[in-house]
Amino acid sequence: MNLDEYITNHSDKEPENLARLNRETHLRMLNPRMLSGHFQGRVMALFCHMIRPKRVLEIGTFTGYSALCMAEGMPEDGILHTIDCDDELEDYILKNFADSVHGHKIRLHIGDALKEIEKLDEIFDLAFIDADKLEYKAYYEAVLPKLRTGGFILVDNTLWDEKVLKTVDPKDKDTIAIMAFNEFVAADNRIEKVLLPIRDGLTLIRKK
């Protein structure tokens, strides 16, 4: 048993519908690692149980797993807006939401995230960024004005397979973008921040 297995075995089990979605994603999708997964999903669900956000924004839906995890920890009158650019997944995502007792809290938006964020007339308690790595800084700057004081942002993949610790190939634009984003956030005095070594790196940000 490795450390990841030990951690997972000593954390809550996945709800049945999420375990099924996890399996289906690995069978059907070309890049199943984009799924948040069992352990990170339980972290996100528990975090939402702790802060009870009524308005959540997610950038990067994929198959809907992370949205469902966060919705699980939201109050019944909470609304989670999730944005994805892949219209070919729309029907599958909506089916996954419909299959969950928490799916009624989720609103799916298909389109360019930066344009969709502009359309949302909401002040958010929590945002989760997990989409195009080249746009992380742009997403962050678009989200921050729509976040309440004391609100939170979670940013996924900020360790990026530990490539952030290695010499970077100049052609590796994703790694360069993640590293630049991490440096920007570390120096941003508008926020409090901590980079957690959860899965592929999860940066927790609180707006001052």
Foldseek 3Di string as FASTA:
>chain_A
DDPVVVQLVPADFDDPLLVVVLVVLVVPPPCSVLACDTPSLQVLLVVLLVVQKQEEEEEAQRLNNNVLSNLNNHDPNGAYEYEEADPVNVVNSLVSLVVDPSSVRYDYHHRDVLVVLVVDPAQTQEYEYRDQLLCVVVNVVSNVVSYDQFGKYKYPLLCVVVCLVDDDDPVCSSSVSSNVVVVVVVPDPQWDWDWDPDDNIIIMIGGD
